[in-house]
Amino acid sequence: MTSLTAQRMAKEILTICERLHNRNMLAAADGNISFRVSDDEILITPSGVSKGFMDPSQMAVITLDGKTLVGNPSSEKQMHLEIYKTCARAKAVVHAHPLTAIAWSVARPDLDKLPSDCLSEVILSTGDIPFVPYARPGTADMGKVLAPFLPKHQAMILRNHGALAWGESLDEAYRGMERIEHSAQILAAAVQLGGLHPLPKEEIAYLYELRKKIGDVLL
């Protein structure tokens, strides 16, 4: 990587990887992160490498059509490419394996999203956190299953797999991942303590209207 932007962003990606690893949202070689450094070039973490202990020199570079320019890119690059092709505002994508969020997708196949009607911060910060249908890792289907959720949703749980967040910066995408897991943990604790109890319908409607005023951003 000769671009100063690419070198700087590689270091920022490593910082995000360390945060995710320290929060137990990455294990072994799990997860992948990318950043769009130009109209056609995307910096992305490598395949088969522990993201919590990477070196900047291991980063890969791909084009928007999936061609590898540098390194050994993540086998799950199709998710990233689908987002960059579909979402004009997307500059960064974070894919991790947050424990509680994944557990919700395994335990509750009847749900189409996390129960946002119970938590004001889910509505205000994300709109909703939907469950994306399962796709076989490493296949083109990983990108295809995202299509119905884009560009509306920036934070998503991938059934029986992990979670995904994108934003206009690495920080925004990382915040989305934090929000996914933190919300999932609160809701799981509520279930254990007695059950889920939604807010009044009029309050839910008010929160969604307020979210529209906040705009398309992950908080």
Protein backbone atom coordinates (compact mmCIF):
# COMPACT_ATOMS: atom_id res chain seq x y z
CA MET A 1 0.00 0.00 0.00
CA THR A 2 1.64 3.21 -1.15
CA SER A 3 -1.27 5.58 -0.62
CA LEU A 4 -0.91 7.59 2.57
CA THR A 5 -4.69 7.39 3.00
CA ALA A 6 -4.61 3.59 2.73
CA GLN A 7 -1.76 3.35 5.23
CA ARG A 8 -3.55 5.59 7.72
CA MET A 9 -6.85 3.77 7.34
CA ALA A 10 -5.13 0.38 7.73
CA LYS A 11 -3.96 1.51 11.18
CA GLU A 12 -7.46 2.76 12.05
CA ILE A 13 -8.93 -0.58 10.99
CA LEU A 14 -6.49 -2.37 13.28
CA THR A 15 -7.63 -0.16 16.16
CA ILE A 16 -11.26 -1.13 15.49
CA CYS A 17 -10.27 -4.81 15.28
CA GLU A 18 -8.57 -4.56 18.68
CA ARG A 19 -11.67 -2.94 20.20
CA LEU A 20 -13.90 -5.68 18.84
CA HIS A 21 -11.53 -8.40 20.05
CA ASN A 22 -11.34 -6.85 23.51
CA ARG A 23 -15.15 -6.79 23.69
CA ASN A 24 -15.34 -10.48 22.74
CA MET A 25 -16.99 -9.75 19.41
CA LEU A 26 -14.16 -11.39 17.46
CA ALA A 27 -12.51 -14.75 18.09
CA ALA A 28 -9.75 -16.56 16.18
CA ALA A 29 -9.96 -15.44 12.52
CA ASP A 30 -13.57 -14.24 12.72
CA GLY A 31 -14.91 -11.03 11.21
CA ASN A 32 -13.81 -8.55 8.59
CA ILE A 33 -13.62 -4.78 8.20
CA SER A 34 -13.28 -2.63 5.12
CA PHE A 35 -12.88 1.02 4.12
CA ARG A 36 -13.45 2.59 0.72
CA VAL A 37 -10.27 4.53 -0.03
CA SER A 38 -11.35 5.68 -3.52
CA ASP A 39 -14.19 5.31 -6.00
CA ASP A 40 -12.94 1.89 -7.07
CA GLU A 41 -10.56 0.68 -4.34
CA ILE A 42 -11.50 -0.91 -1.04
CA LEU A 43 -9.16 -1.71 1.83
CA ILE A 44 -10.25 -4.95 3.53
CA THR A 45 -8.95 -7.27 6.21
CA PRO A 46 -7.37 -10.56 5.09
CA SER A 47 -8.75 -14.06 5.22
CA GLY A 48 -7.60 -16.54 7.87
CA VAL A 49 -5.89 -14.02 10.14
CA SER A 50 -6.74 -13.17 13.75
CA LYS A 51 -8.07 -9.61 13.48
CA GLY A 52 -7.10 -8.76 17.05
CA PHE A 53 -3.40 -9.35 16.31
CA MET A 54 -2.91 -8.10 12.77
CA ASP A 55 -0.18 -6.04 11.17
CA PRO A 56 -1.04 -3.23 8.71
CA SER A 57 1.03 -4.96 6.03
CA GLN A 58 -1.49 -7.85 5.99
CA MET A 59 -4.33 -5.68 4.71
CA ALA A 60 -5.72 -6.46 1.25
CA VAL A 61 -7.04 -4.17 -1.48
CA ILE A 62 -9.88 -5.06 -3.87
CA THR A 63 -11.79 -3.23 -6.57
CA LEU A 64 -15.51 -2.56 -6.57
CA ASP A 65 -16.01 -5.44 -9.02
CA GLY A 66 -14.17 -7.85 -6.69
CA LYS A 67 -10.75 -7.99 -8.31
CA THR A 68 -7.86 -8.49 -5.87
CA LEU A 69 -5.12 -5.88 -6.19
CA VAL A 70 -3.14 -6.60 -3.01
CA GLY A 71 -3.05 -9.45 -0.49
CA ASN A 72 -5.54 -12.17 0.36
CA PRO A 73 -8.92 -10.49 0.98
CA SER A 74 -11.64 -11.85 3.22
CA SER A 75 -13.68 -14.66 1.69
CA GLU A 76 -16.76 -12.71 2.83
CA LYS A 77 -15.97 -9.69 0.66
CA GLN A 78 -19.32 -10.02 -1.19
CA MET A 79 -21.11 -8.47 1.79
CA HIS A 80 -18.86 -5.44 1.66
CA LEU A 81 -19.12 -5.08 -2.10
CA GLU A 82 -22.93 -5.24 -2.01
CA ILE A 83 -23.02 -2.41 0.51
CA TYR A 84 -20.59 -0.19 -1.40
CA LYS A 85 -22.45 -0.75 -4.66
CA THR A 86 -25.87 -0.12 -3.13
CA CYS A 87 -25.26 2.56 -0.51
CA ALA A 88 -23.81 5.79 -1.85
CA ARG A 89 -22.94 7.04 1.65
CA ALA A 90 -21.06 3.91 2.71
CA LYS A 91 -17.38 4.40 3.41
CA ALA A 92 -16.81 1.68 6.02
CA VAL A 93 -18.21 -1.77 6.84
CA VAL A 94 -17.73 -3.74 10.07
CA HIS A 95 -18.64 -7.43 10.32
CA ALA A 96 -18.19 -9.12 13.71
CA HIS A 97 -19.59 -12.01 15.74
CA PRO A 98 -21.28 -10.47 18.81
CA LEU A 99 -22.40 -13.30 21.08
CA THR A 100 -25.82 -12.17 22.26
CA ALA A 101 -26.93 -10.81 18.90
CA ILE A 102 -26.10 -14.11 17.23
CA ALA A 103 -27.86 -16.02 20.02
CA TRP A 104 -31.06 -14.04 19.32
CA SER A 105 -30.92 -15.08 15.66
CA VAL A 106 -30.49 -18.74 16.63
CA ALA A 107 -33.09 -18.86 19.41
CA ARG A 108 -35.82 -16.74 17.82
CA PRO A 109 -36.36 -17.65 14.14
CA ASP A 110 -39.88 -16.21 14.49
CA LEU A 111 -38.60 -12.63 14.79
CA ASP A 112 -37.79 -10.42 11.81
CA LYS A 113 -35.90 -7.86 13.94
CA LEU A 114 -34.70 -7.24 17.47
CA PRO A 115 -37.70 -6.13 19.58
CA SER A 116 -37.10 -2.41 19.03
CA ASP A 117 -40.52 -1.58 20.47
CA CYS A 118 -39.06 -2.26 23.92
CA LEU A 119 -36.05 0.08 23.71
CA SER A 120 -36.18 3.75 22.72
CA GLU A 121 -32.45 3.84 21.98
CA VAL A 122 -32.76 1.12 19.32
CA ILE A 123 -35.33 3.15 17.40
CA LEU A 124 -33.53 6.47 17.84
CA SER A 125 -30.03 5.19 17.05
CA THR A 126 -30.73 2.68 14.26
CA GLY A 127 -34.40 2.79 13.27
CA ASP A 128 -34.50 -1.00 13.54
CA ILE A 129 -32.04 -3.90 13.67
CA PRO A 130 -33.40 -6.56 11.28
CA PHE A 131 -32.45 -10.22 11.00
CA VAL A 132 -30.99 -11.00 7.57
CA PRO A 133 -31.65 -14.53 6.23
CA TYR A 134 -28.80 -17.01 6.53
CA ALA A 135 -26.35 -17.27 3.64
CA ARG A 136 -23.54 -19.76 3.25
CA PRO A 137 -20.22 -18.10 4.23
CA GLY A 138 -17.87 -17.27 1.41
CA THR A 139 -20.53 -17.37 -1.32
CA ALA A 140 -22.14 -14.69 -3.50
CA ASP A 141 -25.35 -15.26 -1.53
CA MET A 142 -23.82 -13.30 1.34
CA GLY A 143 -24.21 -10.19 -0.75
CA LYS A 144 -27.55 -11.12 -2.31
CA VAL A 145 -29.37 -11.60 1.00
CA LEU A 146 -28.43 -8.06 2.03
CA ALA A 147 -30.00 -6.41 -1.01
CA PRO A 148 -33.59 -6.14 0.37
CA PHE A 149 -32.27 -4.36 3.49
CA LEU A 150 -30.15 -1.75 1.73
CA PRO A 151 -29.72 1.17 1.89
CA LYS A 152 -32.42 1.58 4.56
CA HIS A 153 -30.69 -0.39 7.31
CA GLN A 154 -27.17 0.28 8.55
CA ALA A 155 -27.13 -2.22 11.44
CA MET A 156 -28.17 -5.83 10.84
CA ILE A 157 -27.91 -9.27 12.43
CA LEU A 158 -26.95 -12.11 10.07
CA ARG A 159 -28.86 -15.22 11.11
CA ASN A 160 -26.73 -18.04 12.56
CA HIS A 161 -23.60 -16.10 11.70
CA GLY A 162 -22.86 -12.60 12.98
CA ALA A 163 -23.70 -8.94 12.59
CA LEU A 164 -22.99 -6.16 10.12
CA ALA A 165 -22.88 -2.37 10.35
CA TRP A 166 -21.89 0.28 7.83
CA GLY A 167 -21.40 4.02 7.96
CA GLU A 168 -19.76 7.10 6.53
CA SER A 169 -16.76 6.48 8.79
CA LEU A 170 -15.12 3.61 10.63
CA ASP A 171 -16.26 5.11 13.91
CA GLU A 172 -19.90 5.17 12.79
CA ALA A 173 -19.76 1.56 11.61
CA TYR A 174 -18.13 0.52 14.89
CA ARG A 175 -20.80 2.37 16.89
CA GLY A 176 -23.40 0.40 14.99
CA MET A 177 -21.80 -2.88 16.03
CA GLU A 178 -21.67 -1.74 19.65
CA ARG A 179 -25.35 -0.76 19.48
CA ILE A 180 -26.34 -4.14 18.06
CA GLU A 181 -24.70 -6.14 20.84
CA HIS A 182 -25.56 -3.78 23.69
CA SER A 183 -29.24 -3.80 22.69
CA ALA A 184 -29.22 -7.57 22.30
CA GLN A 185 -27.74 -7.96 25.79
CA ILE A 186 -30.36 -5.69 27.41
CA LEU A 187 -33.21 -7.53 25.72
CA ALA A 188 -31.79 -10.94 26.64
CA ALA A 189 -31.49 -9.85 30.27
CA ALA A 190 -35.09 -8.61 30.20
CA VAL A 191 -36.27 -12.01 28.98
CA GLN A 192 -34.43 -13.70 31.85
CA LEU A 193 -35.81 -11.25 34.42
CA GLY A 194 -39.44 -11.61 33.45
CA GLY A 195 -40.11 -10.92 29.79
CA LEU A 196 -40.32 -8.25 27.10
CA HIS A 197 -42.82 -5.43 27.56
CA PRO A 198 -43.11 -2.96 24.67
CA LEU A 199 -43.56 0.76 25.03
CA PRO A 200 -47.04 2.21 24.42
CA LYS A 201 -47.98 2.38 20.73
CA GLU A 202 -48.18 6.17 20.73
CA GLU A 203 -44.68 6.41 22.19
CA ILE A 204 -43.30 4.00 19.59
CA ALA A 205 -44.88 6.09 16.81
CA TYR A 206 -43.36 9.26 18.32
CA LEU A 207 -39.89 7.69 18.48
CA TYR A 208 -40.00 6.60 14.84
CA GLU A 209 -40.99 10.15 13.83
CA LEU A 210 -38.11 11.52 15.88
CA ARG A 211 -35.77 9.06 14.18
CA LYS A 212 -36.80 10.50 10.80
CA LYS A 213 -35.74 13.95 12.01
CA ILE A 214 -32.39 12.61 13.24
CA GLY A 215 -31.72 11.24 9.76
CA ASP A 216 -29.73 8.35 8.34
CA VAL A 217 -26.93 7.95 10.84
CA LEU A 218 -25.92 5.38 13.45
CA LEU A 219 -25.76 6.87 16.93
